[in-house]
Amino acid sequence: EGVSCIGSRGEGINYADSVKGRFTIS
């Protein structure tokens, strides 16, 4: 299951609804 992703420059970020507000990708 996809949890989160981040673009190569760190600007584009997405989260699965199930982890929004709890997980942070960097």
PDB file of all heavy atoms in Angstrom:
ATOM      1  N   GLU A   1       0.853  -1.196   0.000  1.00  0.00           N
ATOM      2  CA  GLU A   1       0.000   0.000   0.000  1.00  0.00           C
ATOM      3  C   GLU A   1       0.886   1.242   0.000  1.00  0.00           C
ATOM      4  O   GLU A   1       1.815   1.334   0.818  1.00  0.00           O
ATOM      5  CB  GLU A   1      -0.867  -0.018   1.256  1.00  0.00           C
ATOM      6  CG  GLU A   1      -1.615   1.269   1.545  1.00  0.00           C
ATOM      7  CD  GLU A   1      -2.175   1.328   2.956  1.00  0.00           C
ATOM      8  OE1 GLU A   1      -1.671   0.600   3.836  1.00  0.00           O
ATOM      9  OE2 GLU A   1      -3.100   2.113   3.198  1.00  0.00           O
ATOM     10  N   GLY A   2       0.614   2.167  -0.890  1.00  0.00           N
ATOM     11  CA  GLY A   2       1.368   3.413  -0.904  1.00  0.00           C
ATOM     12  C   GLY A   2       1.043   4.258   0.314  1.00  0.00           C
ATOM     13  O   GLY A   2      -0.130   4.461   0.628  1.00  0.00           O
ATOM     14  N   VAL A   3       2.067   4.745   0.988  1.00  0.00           N
ATOM     15  CA  VAL A   3       1.901   5.536   2.206  1.00  0.00           C
ATOM     16  C   VAL A   3       2.158   7.011   1.935  1.00  0.00           C
ATOM     17  O   VAL A   3       1.381   7.874   2.311  1.00  0.00           O
ATOM     18  CB  VAL A   3       2.850   5.016   3.297  1.00  0.00           C
ATOM     19  CG1 VAL A   3       2.811   5.922   4.522  1.00  0.00           C
ATOM     20  CG2 VAL A   3       2.501   3.579   3.676  1.00  0.00           C
ATOM     21  N   SER A   4       3.274   7.282   1.260  1.00  0.00           N
ATOM     22  CA  SER A   4       3.655   8.666   0.997  1.00  0.00           C
ATOM     23  C   SER A   4       4.715   8.696  -0.085  1.00  0.00           C
ATOM     24  O   SER A   4       5.415   7.704  -0.309  1.00  0.00           O
ATOM     25  CB  SER A   4       4.206   9.313   2.281  1.00  0.00           C
ATOM     26  OG  SER A   4       4.564  10.669   2.062  1.00  0.00           O
ATOM     27  N   CYS A   5       4.823   9.834  -0.769  1.00  0.00           N
ATOM     28  CA  CYS A   5       5.900   9.985  -1.741  1.00  0.00           C
ATOM     29  C   CYS A   5       6.386  11.422  -1.742  1.00  0.00           C
ATOM     30  O   CYS A   5       5.681  12.336  -1.283  1.00  0.00           O
ATOM     31  CB  CYS A   5       5.478   9.545  -3.141  1.00  0.00           C
ATOM     32  SG  CYS A   5       4.190  10.544  -3.912  1.00  0.00           S
ATOM     33  N   ILE A   6       7.602  11.596  -2.269  1.00  0.00           N
ATOM     34  CA  ILE A   6       8.214  12.915  -2.317  1.00  0.00           C
ATOM     35  C   ILE A   6       8.988  13.055  -3.614  1.00  0.00           C
ATOM     36  O   ILE A   6       9.672  12.121  -4.048  1.00  0.00           O
ATOM     37  CB  ILE A   6       9.116  13.140  -1.084  1.00  0.00           C
ATOM     38  CG1 ILE A   6       9.643  14.576  -1.038  1.00  0.00           C
ATOM     39  CG2 ILE A   6      10.262  12.135  -1.046  1.00  0.00           C
ATOM     40  CD1 ILE A   6      10.297  14.936   0.298  1.00  0.00           C
ATOM     41  N   GLY A   7       8.870  14.198  -4.259  1.00  0.00           N
ATOM     42  CA  GLY A   7       9.570  14.430  -5.507  1.00  0.00           C
ATOM     43  C   GLY A   7      11.068  14.562  -5.316  1.00  0.00           C
ATOM     44  O   GLY A   7      11.564  14.692  -4.199  1.00  0.00           O
ATOM     45  N   SER A   8      11.789  14.531  -6.419  1.00  0.00           N
ATOM     46  CA  SER A   8      13.246  14.537  -6.370  1.00  0.00           C
ATOM     47  C   SER A   8      13.797  15.812  -5.749  1.00  0.00           C
ATOM     48  O   SER A   8      14.881  15.795  -5.151  1.00  0.00           O
ATOM     49  CB  SER A   8      13.837  14.360  -7.776  1.00  0.00           C
ATOM     50  OG  SER A   8      13.353  15.372  -8.649  1.00  0.00           O
ATOM     51  N   ARG A   9      13.072  16.899  -5.852  1.00  0.00           N
ATOM     52  CA  ARG A   9      13.513  18.157  -5.263  1.00  0.00           C
ATOM     53  C   ARG A   9      12.877  18.399  -3.903  1.00  0.00           C
ATOM     54  O   ARG A   9      13.125  19.432  -3.285  1.00  0.00           O
ATOM     55  CB  ARG A   9      13.205  19.321  -6.207  1.00  0.00           C
ATOM     56  CG  ARG A   9      13.900  19.201  -7.566  1.00  0.00           C
ATOM     57  CD  ARG A   9      13.674  20.398  -8.439  1.00  0.00           C
ATOM     58  NE  ARG A   9      12.269  20.586  -8.790  1.00  0.00           N
ATOM     59  CZ  ARG A   9      11.852  21.139  -9.914  1.00  0.00           C
ATOM     60  NH1 ARG A   9      12.728  21.531 -10.816  1.00  0.00           N
ATOM     61  NH2 ARG A   9      10.570  21.305 -10.153  1.00  0.00           N
ATOM     62  N   GLY A  10      12.043  17.477  -3.470  1.00  0.00           N
ATOM     63  CA  GLY A  10      11.413  17.614  -2.155  1.00  0.00           C
ATOM     64  C   GLY A  10      10.219  18.522  -2.129  1.00  0.00           C
ATOM     65  O   GLY A  10       9.727  18.882  -1.052  1.00  0.00           O
ATOM     66  N   GLU A  11       9.720  18.897  -3.320  1.00  0.00           N
ATOM     67  CA  GLU A  11       8.612  19.849  -3.357  1.00  0.00           C
ATOM     68  C   GLU A  11       7.261  19.165  -3.486  1.00  0.00           C
ATOM     69  O   GLU A  11       6.294  19.562  -2.827  1.00  0.00           O
ATOM     70  CB  GLU A  11       8.837  20.806  -4.531  1.00  0.00           C
ATOM     71  CG  GLU A  11      10.107  21.642  -4.391  1.00  0.00           C
ATOM     72  CD  GLU A  11      10.459  22.385  -5.656  1.00  0.00           C
ATOM     73  OE1 GLU A  11       9.791  22.197  -6.686  1.00  0.00           O
ATOM     74  OE2 GLU A  11      11.430  23.165  -5.625  1.00  0.00           O
ATOM     75  N   GLY A  12       7.161  18.154  -4.327  1.00  0.00           N
ATOM     76  CA  GLY A  12       5.904  17.447  -4.503  1.00  0.00           C
ATOM     77  C   GLY A  12       5.771  16.345  -3.485  1.00  0.00           C
ATOM     78  O   GLY A  12       6.613  15.441  -3.422  1.00  0.00           O
ATOM     79  N   ILE A  13       4.747  16.419  -2.654  1.00  0.00           N
ATOM     80  CA  ILE A  13       4.551  15.439  -1.578  1.00  0.00           C
ATOM     81  C   ILE A  13       3.103  14.979  -1.576  1.00  0.00           C
ATOM     82  O   ILE A  13       2.186  15.794  -1.737  1.00  0.00           O
ATOM     83  CB  ILE A  13       4.908  16.056  -0.209  1.00  0.00           C
ATOM     84  CG1 ILE A  13       6.435  16.264  -0.104  1.00  0.00           C
ATOM     85  CG2 ILE A  13       4.414  15.173   0.929  1.00  0.00           C
ATOM     86  CD1 ILE A  13       6.873  16.955   1.174  1.00  0.00           C
ATOM     87  N   ASN A  14       2.919  13.676  -1.390  1.00  0.00           N
ATOM     88  CA  ASN A  14       1.578  13.105  -1.258  1.00  0.00           C
ATOM     89  C   ASN A  14       1.538  12.142  -0.086  1.00  0.00           C
ATOM     90  O   ASN A  14       2.549  11.511   0.242  1.00  0.00           O
ATOM     91  CB  ASN A  14       1.188  12.341  -2.538  1.00  0.00           C
ATOM     92  CG  ASN A  14       0.767  13.278  -3.658  1.00  0.00           C
ATOM     93  OD1 ASN A  14       0.022  14.225  -3.435  1.00  0.00           O
ATOM     94  ND2 ASN A  14       1.260  13.029  -4.856  1.00  0.00           N
ATOM     95  N   TYR A  15       0.340  12.012   0.492  1.00  0.00           N
ATOM     96  CA  TYR A  15       0.118  11.067   1.581  1.00  0.00           C
ATOM     97  C   TYR A  15      -1.154  10.275   1.320  1.00  0.00           C
ATOM     98  O   TYR A  15      -2.127  10.799   0.783  1.00  0.00           O
ATOM     99  CB  TYR A  15      -0.043  11.798   2.921  1.00  0.00           C
ATOM    100  CG  TYR A  15       1.175  12.557   3.375  1.00  0.00           C
ATOM    101  CD1 TYR A  15       1.273  13.930   3.200  1.00  0.00           C
ATOM    102  CD2 TYR A  15       2.236  11.896   3.998  1.00  0.00           C
ATOM    103  CE1 TYR A  15       2.389  14.638   3.619  1.00  0.00           C
ATOM    104  CE2 TYR A  15       3.357  12.594   4.421  1.00  0.00           C
ATOM    105  CZ  TYR A  15       3.422  13.958   4.224  1.00  0.00           C
ATOM    106  OH  TYR A  15       4.534  14.651   4.639  1.00  0.00           O
ATOM    107  N   ALA A  16      -1.143   9.025   1.753  1.00  0.00           N
ATOM    108  CA  ALA A  16      -2.380   8.271   1.796  1.00  0.00           C
ATOM    109  C   ALA A  16      -3.286   8.898   2.850  1.00  0.00           C
ATOM    110  O   ALA A  16      -2.816   9.429   3.858  1.00  0.00           O
ATOM    111  CB  ALA A  16      -2.093   6.810   2.145  1.00  0.00           C
ATOM    112  N   ASP A  17      -4.589   8.823   2.614  1.00  0.00           N
ATOM    113  CA  ASP A  17      -5.534   9.423   3.562  1.00  0.00           C
ATOM    114  C   ASP A  17      -5.352   8.852   4.967  1.00  0.00           C
ATOM    115  O   ASP A  17      -5.547   9.554   5.957  1.00  0.00           O
ATOM    116  CB  ASP A  17      -6.970   9.190   3.088  1.00  0.00           C
ATOM    117  CG  ASP A  17      -7.329  10.032   1.874  1.00  0.00           C
ATOM    118  OD1 ASP A  17      -6.600  11.014   1.590  1.00  0.00           O
ATOM    119  OD2 ASP A  17      -8.328   9.709   1.209  1.00  0.00           O
ATOM    120  N   SER A  18      -4.986   7.596   5.047  1.00  0.00           N
ATOM    121  CA  SER A  18      -4.884   6.914   6.339  1.00  0.00           C
ATOM    122  C   SER A  18      -3.748   7.450   7.216  1.00  0.00           C
ATOM    123  O   SER A  18      -3.726   7.202   8.416  1.00  0.00           O
ATOM    124  CB  SER A  18      -4.702   5.407   6.133  1.00  0.00           C
ATOM    125  OG  SER A  18      -3.543   5.153   5.357  1.00  0.00           O
ATOM    126  N   VAL A  19      -2.801   8.186   6.627  1.00  0.00           N
ATOM    127  CA  VAL A  19      -1.660   8.667   7.411  1.00  0.00           C
ATOM    128  C   VAL A  19      -1.555  10.186   7.443  1.00  0.00           C
ATOM    129  O   VAL A  19      -0.673  10.737   8.109  1.00  0.00           O
ATOM    130  CB  VAL A  19      -0.333   8.072   6.898  1.00  0.00           C
ATOM    131  CG1 VAL A  19      -0.416   6.547   6.855  1.00  0.00           C
ATOM    132  CG2 VAL A  19       0.047   8.636   5.539  1.00  0.00           C
ATOM    133  N   LYS A  20      -2.437  10.880   6.719  1.00  0.00           N
ATOM    134  CA  LYS A  20      -2.380  12.344   6.690  1.00  0.00           C
ATOM    135  C   LYS A  20      -2.494  12.916   8.100  1.00  0.00           C
ATOM    136  O   LYS A  20      -3.330  12.490   8.889  1.00  0.00           O
ATOM    137  CB  LYS A  20      -3.501  12.899   5.814  1.00  0.00           C
ATOM    138  CG  LYS A  20      -3.216  12.828   4.330  1.00  0.00           C
ATOM    139  CD  LYS A  20      -4.354  13.408   3.512  1.00  0.00           C
ATOM    140  CE  LYS A  20      -4.067  13.300   2.020  1.00  0.00           C
ATOM    141  NZ  LYS A  20      -5.206  13.767   1.207  1.00  0.00           N
ATOM    142  N   GLY A  21      -1.632  13.861   8.392  1.00  0.00           N
ATOM    143  CA  GLY A  21      -1.638  14.488   9.703  1.00  0.00           C
ATOM    144  C   GLY A  21      -0.817  13.741  10.739  1.00  0.00           C
ATOM    145  O   GLY A  21      -0.569  14.261  11.826  1.00  0.00           O
ATOM    146  N   ARG A  22      -0.400  12.521  10.424  1.00  0.00           N
ATOM    147  CA  ARG A  22       0.405  11.731  11.374  1.00  0.00           C
ATOM    148  C   ARG A  22       1.807  11.456  10.856  1.00  0.00           C
ATOM    149  O   ARG A  22       2.751  11.361  11.632  1.00  0.00           O
ATOM    150  CB  ARG A  22      -0.298  10.397  11.660  1.00  0.00           C
ATOM    151  CG  ARG A  22      -1.672  10.532  12.258  1.00  0.00           C
ATOM    152  CD  ARG A  22      -2.226   9.179  12.704  1.00  0.00           C
ATOM    153  NE  ARG A  22      -2.382   8.241  11.598  1.00  0.00           N
ATOM    154  CZ  ARG A  22      -1.755   7.068  11.522  1.00  0.00           C
ATOM    155  NH1 ARG A  22      -0.949   6.690  12.493  1.00  0.00           N
ATOM    156  NH2 ARG A  22      -1.960   6.266  10.491  1.00  0.00           N
ATOM    157  N   PHE A  23       1.945  11.289   9.559  1.00  0.00           N
ATOM    158  CA  PHE A  23       3.245  10.978   8.954  1.00  0.00           C
ATOM    159  C   PHE A  23       3.761  12.195   8.199  1.00  0.00           C
ATOM    160  O   PHE A  23       2.983  12.953   7.604  1.00  0.00           O
ATOM    161  CB  PHE A  23       3.116   9.815   7.973  1.00  0.00           C
ATOM    162  CG  PHE A  23       2.843   8.467   8.599  1.00  0.00           C
ATOM    163  CD1 PHE A  23       2.489   8.331   9.923  1.00  0.00           C
ATOM    164  CD2 PHE A  23       2.969   7.316   7.835  1.00  0.00           C
ATOM    165  CE1 PHE A  23       2.245   7.102  10.494  1.00  0.00           C
ATOM    166  CE2 PHE A  23       2.732   6.065   8.375  1.00  0.00           C
ATOM    167  CZ  PHE A  23       2.355   5.961   9.708  1.00  0.00           C
ATOM    168  N   THR A  24       5.082  12.349   8.192  1.00  0.00           N
ATOM    169  CA  THR A  24       5.725  13.420   7.444  1.00  0.00           C
ATOM    170  C   THR A  24       6.904  12.844   6.677  1.00  0.00           C
ATOM    171  O   THR A  24       7.788  12.225   7.271  1.00  0.00           O
ATOM    172  CB  THR A  24       6.228  14.528   8.382  1.00  0.00           C
ATOM    173  OG1 THR A  24       5.133  15.039   9.151  1.00  0.00           O
ATOM    174  CG2 THR A  24       6.852  15.660   7.574  1.00  0.00           C
ATOM    175  N   ILE A  25       6.905  13.067   5.372  1.00  0.00           N
ATOM    176  CA  ILE A  25       8.009  12.612   4.542  1.00  0.00           C
ATOM    177  C   ILE A  25       8.926  13.795   4.262  1.00  0.00           C
ATOM    178  O   ILE A  25       8.465  14.941   4.132  1.00  0.00           O
ATOM    179  CB  ILE A  25       7.492  11.981   3.227  1.00  0.00           C
ATOM    180  CG1 ILE A  25       8.599  11.231   2.500  1.00  0.00           C
ATOM    181  CG2 ILE A  25       6.851  13.028   2.332  1.00  0.00           C
ATOM    182  CD1 ILE A  25       8.091  10.373   1.336  1.00  0.00           C
ATOM    183  N   SER A  26      10.213  13.529   4.183  1.00  0.00           N
ATOM    184  CA  SER A  26      11.185  14.574   3.879  1.00  0.00           C
ATOM    185  C   SER A  26      12.406  13.926   3.245  1.00  0.00           C
ATOM    186  O   SER A  26      12.539  12.696   3.252  1.00  0.00           O
ATOM    187  CB  SER A  26      11.578  15.338   5.146  1.00  0.00           C
ATOM    188  OG  SER A  26      12.215  14.481   6.078  1.00  0.00           O
TER     189      SER A  26
END
